[in-house]
């Protein structure tokens, strides 16, 4: 069985990992996550650290995206913009209830201009996501988009080669699929939307 070992490049990454690992529960973890300044550029430009949404009880599954966008940064909640609206629609079509999911991101702060997070930013934020998954312990994780897929499956991951089937990591099934933003970019008849819906439907079948 493979073990999730995201890269840890420097002292700030190690410090985040130490602080996160010491949090005994979700509330404590969220409290120490919100003032994080491990990535100075992100800390200087963000409005909110988007810790994530969790259900009242144990999550049936987790959705993990790349990083917050503009509306997520403004509200402090994940997947509330256009991508979130499409994700909600496709979850419903697949027979999944977002209210039963943990909704998280690899990077908790919005990168300026919605650029792809840098490798150092991913590394420094990894301790937060790692501890979130430990505390929530979802049996199934859906990695939305290439950045999330690489966090779980490694830097050489090719999304088209790994999607469509579960990967067993740390005792849970990880499904890598397209990000809703790709489904928007390629349109309603594009392959990413069809693939995302197909993968969510397969996850729903596993959880049924």
C-alpha atoms as a PDB file:
ATOM      1  CA  UNK A   1       0.000   0.000   0.000  1.00  0.00           C
ATOM      2  CA  UNK A   2       1.353   3.407  -0.959  1.00  0.00           C
ATOM      3  CA  UNK A   3       1.808   6.093   1.677  1.00  0.00           C
ATOM      4  CA  UNK A   4       1.083   9.774   1.068  1.00  0.00           C
ATOM      5  CA  UNK A   5       4.356  11.660   1.463  1.00  0.00           C
ATOM      6  CA  UNK A   6       3.966  15.194   0.047  1.00  0.00           C
ATOM      7  CA  UNK A   7       7.248  17.069  -0.443  1.00  0.00           C
ATOM      8  CA  UNK A   8       8.674  19.006   2.478  1.00  0.00           C
ATOM      9  CA  UNK A   9      11.366  21.357   1.273  1.00  0.00           C
ATOM     10  CA  UNK A  10      12.240  23.801   4.054  1.00  0.00           C
ATOM     11  CA  UNK A  11      11.892  24.961   7.646  1.00  0.00           C
ATOM     12  CA  UNK A  12       8.474  26.646   7.190  1.00  0.00           C
ATOM     13  CA  UNK A  13       7.060  23.400   5.801  1.00  0.00           C
ATOM     14  CA  UNK A  14       8.405  21.499   8.782  1.00  0.00           C
ATOM     15  CA  UNK A  15       7.008  24.094  11.191  1.00  0.00           C
ATOM     16  CA  UNK A  16       3.534  23.882   9.624  1.00  0.00           C
ATOM     17  CA  UNK A  17       3.688  20.104   9.839  1.00  0.00           C
ATOM     18  CA  UNK A  18       4.645  20.314  13.525  1.00  0.00           C
ATOM     19  CA  UNK A  19       1.871  22.779  14.410  1.00  0.00           C
ATOM     20  CA  UNK A  20      -0.756  20.869  12.432  1.00  0.00           C
ATOM     21  CA  UNK A  21       0.210  17.490  13.882  1.00  0.00           C
ATOM     22  CA  UNK A  22      -0.261  18.856  17.406  1.00  0.00           C
ATOM     23  CA  UNK A  23      -3.884  19.916  16.791  1.00  0.00           C
ATOM     24  CA  UNK A  24      -6.159  17.443  18.600  1.00  0.00           C
ATOM     25  CA  UNK A  25      -9.345  18.108  16.631  1.00  0.00           C
ATOM     26  CA  UNK A  26     -10.801  20.006  13.680  1.00  0.00           C
ATOM     27  CA  UNK A  27     -11.621  23.182  15.625  1.00  0.00           C
ATOM     28  CA  UNK A  28      -8.103  23.400  17.016  1.00  0.00           C
ATOM     29  CA  UNK A  29      -6.589  22.728  13.605  1.00  0.00           C
ATOM     30  CA  UNK A  30      -8.709  25.425  11.950  1.00  0.00           C
ATOM     31  CA  UNK A  31      -7.745  27.914  14.666  1.00  0.00           C
ATOM     32  CA  UNK A  32      -4.003  27.443  14.135  1.00  0.00           C
ATOM     33  CA  UNK A  33      -4.380  27.287  10.338  1.00  0.00           C
ATOM     34  CA  UNK A  34      -6.111  30.671   9.892  1.00  0.00           C
ATOM     35  CA  UNK A  35      -3.176  32.906  10.928  1.00  0.00           C
ATOM     36  CA  UNK A  36      -0.605  30.917   8.914  1.00  0.00           C
ATOM     37  CA  UNK A  37       2.102  33.037   7.248  1.00  0.00           C
ATOM     38  CA  UNK A  38       4.360  30.229   5.986  1.00  0.00           C
ATOM     39  CA  UNK A  39       4.005  31.553   2.419  1.00  0.00           C
ATOM     40  CA  UNK A  40       4.682  35.325   2.646  1.00  0.00           C
ATOM     41  CA  UNK A  41       3.368  36.175  -0.842  1.00  0.00           C
ATOM     42  CA  UNK A  42       0.075  34.384  -0.249  1.00  0.00           C
ATOM     43  CA  UNK A  43      -0.308  35.743   3.280  1.00  0.00           C
ATOM     44  CA  UNK A  44       0.222  39.299   1.995  1.00  0.00           C
ATOM     45  CA  UNK A  45      -2.439  39.094  -0.726  1.00  0.00           C
ATOM     46  CA  UNK A  46      -5.166  36.866   0.733  1.00  0.00           C
ATOM     47  CA  UNK A  47      -8.361  37.944   2.460  1.00  0.00           C
ATOM     48  CA  UNK A  48      -9.004  34.616   4.191  1.00  0.00           C
ATOM     49  CA  UNK A  49      -7.298  31.317   4.801  1.00  0.00           C
ATOM     50  CA  UNK A  50      -9.840  28.861   3.370  1.00  0.00           C
ATOM     51  CA  UNK A  51      -9.534  26.031   5.864  1.00  0.00           C
ATOM     52  CA  UNK A  52     -12.358  23.939   4.368  1.00  0.00           C
ATOM     53  CA  UNK A  53     -15.906  22.791   5.041  1.00  0.00           C
ATOM     54  CA  UNK A  54     -16.735  19.699   7.064  1.00  0.00           C
ATOM     55  CA  UNK A  55     -20.060  17.982   7.791  1.00  0.00           C
ATOM     56  CA  UNK A  56     -21.548  17.708  11.277  1.00  0.00           C
ATOM     57  CA  UNK A  57     -20.698  14.027  11.495  1.00  0.00           C
ATOM     58  CA  UNK A  58     -17.921  11.939   9.952  1.00  0.00           C
ATOM     59  CA  UNK A  59     -17.613  12.666   6.215  1.00  0.00           C
ATOM     60  CA  UNK A  60     -18.673   9.978   3.762  1.00  0.00           C
ATOM     61  CA  UNK A  61     -16.038  11.277   1.363  1.00  0.00           C
ATOM     62  CA  UNK A  62     -13.686  14.222   0.840  1.00  0.00           C
ATOM     63  CA  UNK A  63     -13.317  16.542  -2.133  1.00  0.00           C
ATOM     64  CA  UNK A  64      -9.842  18.063  -2.483  1.00  0.00           C
ATOM     65  CA  UNK A  65      -9.185  20.881  -4.941  1.00  0.00           C
ATOM     66  CA  UNK A  66      -6.137  22.974  -5.788  1.00  0.00           C
ATOM     67  CA  UNK A  67      -6.502  26.365  -4.078  1.00  0.00           C
ATOM     68  CA  UNK A  68      -9.150  29.013  -3.390  1.00  0.00           C
ATOM     69  CA  UNK A  69     -10.296  31.371  -6.127  1.00  0.00           C
ATOM     70  CA  UNK A  70     -11.509  34.959  -5.779  1.00  0.00           C
ATOM     71  CA  UNK A  71     -14.927  34.185  -4.296  1.00  0.00           C
ATOM     72  CA  UNK A  72     -13.480  31.560  -1.994  1.00  0.00           C
ATOM     73  CA  UNK A  73     -10.881  34.058  -0.775  1.00  0.00           C
ATOM     74  CA  UNK A  74     -13.612  36.630  -0.196  1.00  0.00           C
ATOM     75  CA  UNK A  75     -15.969  34.331   1.701  1.00  0.00           C
ATOM     76  CA  UNK A  76     -13.460  32.021   3.391  1.00  0.00           C
ATOM     77  CA  UNK A  77     -15.268  28.939   2.076  1.00  0.00           C
ATOM     78  CA  UNK A  78     -14.188  26.428  -0.594  1.00  0.00           C
ATOM     79  CA  UNK A  79     -15.894  25.947  -3.959  1.00  0.00           C
ATOM     80  CA  UNK A  80     -18.459  28.738  -3.789  1.00  0.00           C
ATOM     81  CA  UNK A  81     -17.759  30.345  -7.183  1.00  0.00           C
ATOM     82  CA  UNK A  82     -18.594  29.125 -10.685  1.00  0.00           C
ATOM     83  CA  UNK A  83     -16.572  25.957 -10.198  1.00  0.00           C
ATOM     84  CA  UNK A  84     -18.407  25.286  -6.954  1.00  0.00           C
ATOM     85  CA  UNK A  85     -21.805  25.763  -8.577  1.00  0.00           C
ATOM     86  CA  UNK A  86     -20.933  23.255 -11.305  1.00  0.00           C
ATOM     87  CA  UNK A  87     -19.465  20.863  -8.746  1.00  0.00           C
ATOM     88  CA  UNK A  88     -22.700  20.999  -6.751  1.00  0.00           C
ATOM     89  CA  UNK A  89     -24.703  20.295  -9.905  1.00  0.00           C
ATOM     90  CA  UNK A  90     -22.565  17.324 -10.917  1.00  0.00           C
ATOM     91  CA  UNK A  91     -22.535  15.914  -7.384  1.00  0.00           C
ATOM     92  CA  UNK A  92     -26.330  15.988  -7.407  1.00  0.00           C
ATOM     93  CA  UNK A  93     -26.464  14.361 -10.840  1.00  0.00           C
ATOM     94  CA  UNK A  94     -24.114  11.633  -9.606  1.00  0.00           C
ATOM     95  CA  UNK A  95     -26.208  11.009  -6.504  1.00  0.00           C
ATOM     96  CA  UNK A  96     -23.752  12.470  -3.988  1.00  0.00           C
ATOM     97  CA  UNK A  97     -24.611  14.929  -1.220  1.00  0.00           C
ATOM     98  CA  UNK A  98     -22.074  17.715  -0.686  1.00  0.00           C
ATOM     99  CA  UNK A  99     -23.408  18.132   2.858  1.00  0.00           C
ATOM    100  CA  UNK A 100     -21.911  14.726   3.657  1.00  0.00           C
ATOM    101  CA  UNK A 101     -18.467  15.629   2.283  1.00  0.00           C
ATOM    102  CA  UNK A 102     -15.385  17.348   3.609  1.00  0.00           C
ATOM    103  CA  UNK A 103     -14.449  20.025   1.054  1.00  0.00           C
ATOM    104  CA  UNK A 104     -10.758  20.930   1.166  1.00  0.00           C
ATOM    105  CA  UNK A 105      -7.897  22.333  -0.903  1.00  0.00           C
ATOM    106  CA  UNK A 106      -4.225  21.453  -1.246  1.00  0.00           C
ATOM    107  CA  UNK A 107      -3.301  25.120  -0.697  1.00  0.00           C
ATOM    108  CA  UNK A 108      -5.428  27.140   1.713  1.00  0.00           C
ATOM    109  CA  UNK A 109      -4.704  30.658   0.420  1.00  0.00           C
ATOM    110  CA  UNK A 110      -5.508  32.102  -2.989  1.00  0.00           C
ATOM    111  CA  UNK A 111      -2.464  32.446  -5.242  1.00  0.00           C
ATOM    112  CA  UNK A 112      -2.338  35.923  -6.838  1.00  0.00           C
ATOM    113  CA  UNK A 113      -4.203  36.011 -10.126  1.00  0.00           C
ATOM    114  CA  UNK A 114      -5.370  32.429  -9.563  1.00  0.00           C
ATOM    115  CA  UNK A 115      -1.980  31.154 -10.731  1.00  0.00           C
ATOM    116  CA  UNK A 116      -1.010  27.541 -10.091  1.00  0.00           C
ATOM    117  CA  UNK A 117       0.480  27.144  -6.604  1.00  0.00           C
ATOM    118  CA  UNK A 118       4.275  26.938  -6.518  1.00  0.00           C
ATOM    119  CA  UNK A 119       5.945  23.738  -5.359  1.00  0.00           C
ATOM    120  CA  UNK A 120       7.177  25.454  -2.198  1.00  0.00           C
ATOM    121  CA  UNK A 121       3.650  26.657  -1.399  1.00  0.00           C
ATOM    122  CA  UNK A 122       2.263  23.159  -1.836  1.00  0.00           C
ATOM    123  CA  UNK A 123       5.007  21.784   0.396  1.00  0.00           C
ATOM    124  CA  UNK A 124       4.467  24.389   3.108  1.00  0.00           C
ATOM    125  CA  UNK A 125       0.711  23.837   3.116  1.00  0.00           C
ATOM    126  CA  UNK A 126       0.924  20.045   3.048  1.00  0.00           C
ATOM    127  CA  UNK A 127       0.956  19.683   6.825  1.00  0.00           C
ATOM    128  CA  UNK A 128      -2.501  21.223   7.059  1.00  0.00           C
ATOM    129  CA  UNK A 129      -4.085  18.871   4.528  1.00  0.00           C
ATOM    130  CA  UNK A 130      -2.273  15.862   5.920  1.00  0.00           C
ATOM    131  CA  UNK A 131      -3.632  16.533   9.416  1.00  0.00           C
ATOM    132  CA  UNK A 132      -7.115  17.259   8.058  1.00  0.00           C
ATOM    133  CA  UNK A 133      -7.211  13.851   6.424  1.00  0.00           C
ATOM    134  CA  UNK A 134      -5.919  12.194   9.585  1.00  0.00           C
ATOM    135  CA  UNK A 135      -8.595  13.810  11.754  1.00  0.00           C
ATOM    136  CA  UNK A 136     -11.493  13.390   9.323  1.00  0.00           C
ATOM    137  CA  UNK A 137     -10.409   9.962   8.042  1.00  0.00           C
ATOM    138  CA  UNK A 138     -12.681   9.905   4.957  1.00  0.00           C
ATOM    139  CA  UNK A 139     -12.861   6.440   3.353  1.00  0.00           C
ATOM    140  CA  UNK A 140     -12.873   7.982  -0.131  1.00  0.00           C
ATOM    141  CA  UNK A 141     -11.083  11.079  -1.450  1.00  0.00           C
ATOM    142  CA  UNK A 142     -11.833  12.737  -4.785  1.00  0.00           C
ATOM    143  CA  UNK A 143      -8.808  14.715  -5.984  1.00  0.00           C
ATOM    144  CA  UNK A 144     -10.132  17.454  -8.273  1.00  0.00           C
ATOM    145  CA  UNK A 145      -7.612  18.504 -10.908  1.00  0.00           C
ATOM    146  CA  UNK A 146      -3.950  17.859 -11.585  1.00  0.00           C
ATOM    147  CA  UNK A 147      -2.497  19.713  -8.585  1.00  0.00           C
ATOM    148  CA  UNK A 148      -4.590  17.662  -6.170  1.00  0.00           C
ATOM    149  CA  UNK A 149      -3.877  14.453  -8.082  1.00  0.00           C
ATOM    150  CA  UNK A 150      -0.124  15.131  -7.883  1.00  0.00           C
ATOM    151  CA  UNK A 151      -0.358  15.738  -4.119  1.00  0.00           C
ATOM    152  CA  UNK A 152      -1.711  12.240  -3.645  1.00  0.00           C
ATOM    153  CA  UNK A 153      -0.160  10.279  -6.497  1.00  0.00           C
ATOM    154  CA  UNK A 154       3.180  11.991  -7.116  1.00  0.00           C
ATOM    155  CA  UNK A 155       4.682  14.787  -9.241  1.00  0.00           C
ATOM    156  CA  UNK A 156       4.771  12.778 -12.469  1.00  0.00           C
ATOM    157  CA  UNK A 157       1.057  12.047 -12.404  1.00  0.00           C
ATOM    158  CA  UNK A 158      -0.776  12.334 -15.730  1.00  0.00           C
ATOM    159  CA  UNK A 159      -4.448  12.864 -15.006  1.00  0.00           C
ATOM    160  CA  UNK A 160      -5.770  11.035 -18.036  1.00  0.00           C
ATOM    161  CA  UNK A 161      -3.740   7.968 -17.038  1.00  0.00           C
ATOM    162  CA  UNK A 162      -4.878   7.770 -13.400  1.00  0.00           C
ATOM    163  CA  UNK A 163      -8.520   8.792 -13.463  1.00  0.00           C
ATOM    164  CA  UNK A 164     -11.426   6.390 -13.691  1.00  0.00           C
ATOM    165  CA  UNK A 165     -10.288   4.029 -10.939  1.00  0.00           C
ATOM    166  CA  UNK A 166      -9.433   4.138  -7.224  1.00  0.00           C
ATOM    167  CA  UNK A 167      -5.888   4.265  -5.874  1.00  0.00           C
ATOM    168  CA  UNK A 168      -5.370   2.854  -2.378  1.00  0.00           C
ATOM    169  CA  UNK A 169      -3.390   5.325  -0.254  1.00  0.00           C
ATOM    170  CA  UNK A 170      -3.111   5.361   3.523  1.00  0.00           C
ATOM    171  CA  UNK A 171      -6.056   3.012   3.843  1.00  0.00           C
ATOM    172  CA  UNK A 172      -8.441   5.060   1.726  1.00  0.00           C
ATOM    173  CA  UNK A 173      -9.503   5.093  -1.912  1.00  0.00           C
ATOM    174  CA  UNK A 174      -8.316   8.131  -3.866  1.00  0.00           C
ATOM    175  CA  UNK A 175     -10.035   8.963  -7.139  1.00  0.00           C
ATOM    176  CA  UNK A 176      -8.291  11.543  -9.320  1.00  0.00           C
ATOM    177  CA  UNK A 177     -10.480  13.414 -11.767  1.00  0.00           C
ATOM    178  CA  UNK A 178     -10.914  16.717 -13.580  1.00  0.00           C
ATOM    179  CA  UNK A 179     -11.347  20.010 -11.759  1.00  0.00           C
ATOM    180  CA  UNK A 180     -14.722  21.698 -12.315  1.00  0.00           C
ATOM    181  CA  UNK A 181     -12.890  24.701 -13.791  1.00  0.00           C
ATOM    182  CA  UNK A 182     -11.676  22.458 -16.621  1.00  0.00           C
ATOM    183  CA  UNK A 183     -15.250  21.342 -17.207  1.00  0.00           C
ATOM    184  CA  UNK A 184     -16.267  24.997 -17.474  1.00  0.00           C
ATOM    185  CA  UNK A 185     -13.348  25.837 -19.769  1.00  0.00           C
ATOM    186  CA  UNK A 186     -14.099  23.026 -22.225  1.00  0.00           C
ATOM    187  CA  UNK A 187     -17.859  23.544 -22.128  1.00  0.00           C
ATOM    188  CA  UNK A 188     -20.897  21.369 -21.434  1.00  0.00           C
ATOM    189  CA  UNK A 189     -20.021  18.859 -24.144  1.00  0.00           C
ATOM    190  CA  UNK A 190     -16.309  18.660 -23.358  1.00  0.00           C
ATOM    191  CA  UNK A 191     -14.439  15.616 -22.120  1.00  0.00           C
ATOM    192  CA  UNK A 192     -13.595  17.065 -18.666  1.00  0.00           C
ATOM    193  CA  UNK A 193     -17.228  17.549 -17.713  1.00  0.00           C
ATOM    194  CA  UNK A 194     -18.214  14.090 -18.913  1.00  0.00           C
ATOM    195  CA  UNK A 195     -15.202  12.550 -17.183  1.00  0.00           C
ATOM    196  CA  UNK A 196     -15.845  14.381 -13.921  1.00  0.00           C
ATOM    197  CA  UNK A 197     -19.473  13.273 -13.879  1.00  0.00           C
ATOM    198  CA  UNK A 198     -18.506   9.691 -14.722  1.00  0.00           C
ATOM    199  CA  UNK A 199     -15.951   9.598 -11.907  1.00  0.00           C
ATOM    200  CA  UNK A 200     -18.349  11.117  -9.363  1.00  0.00           C
ATOM    201  CA  UNK A 201     -20.976   8.586 -10.407  1.00  0.00           C
ATOM    202  CA  UNK A 202     -18.469   5.769  -9.891  1.00  0.00           C
ATOM    203  CA  UNK A 203     -17.657   7.123  -6.427  1.00  0.00           C
ATOM    204  CA  UNK A 204     -21.355   7.257  -5.615  1.00  0.00           C
ATOM    205  CA  UNK A 205     -21.619   3.603  -6.636  1.00  0.00           C
ATOM    206  CA  UNK A 206     -18.768   2.665  -4.295  1.00  0.00           C
ATOM    207  CA  UNK A 207     -20.370   4.556  -1.400  1.00  0.00           C
ATOM    208  CA  UNK A 208     -23.879   3.206  -1.995  1.00  0.00           C
END
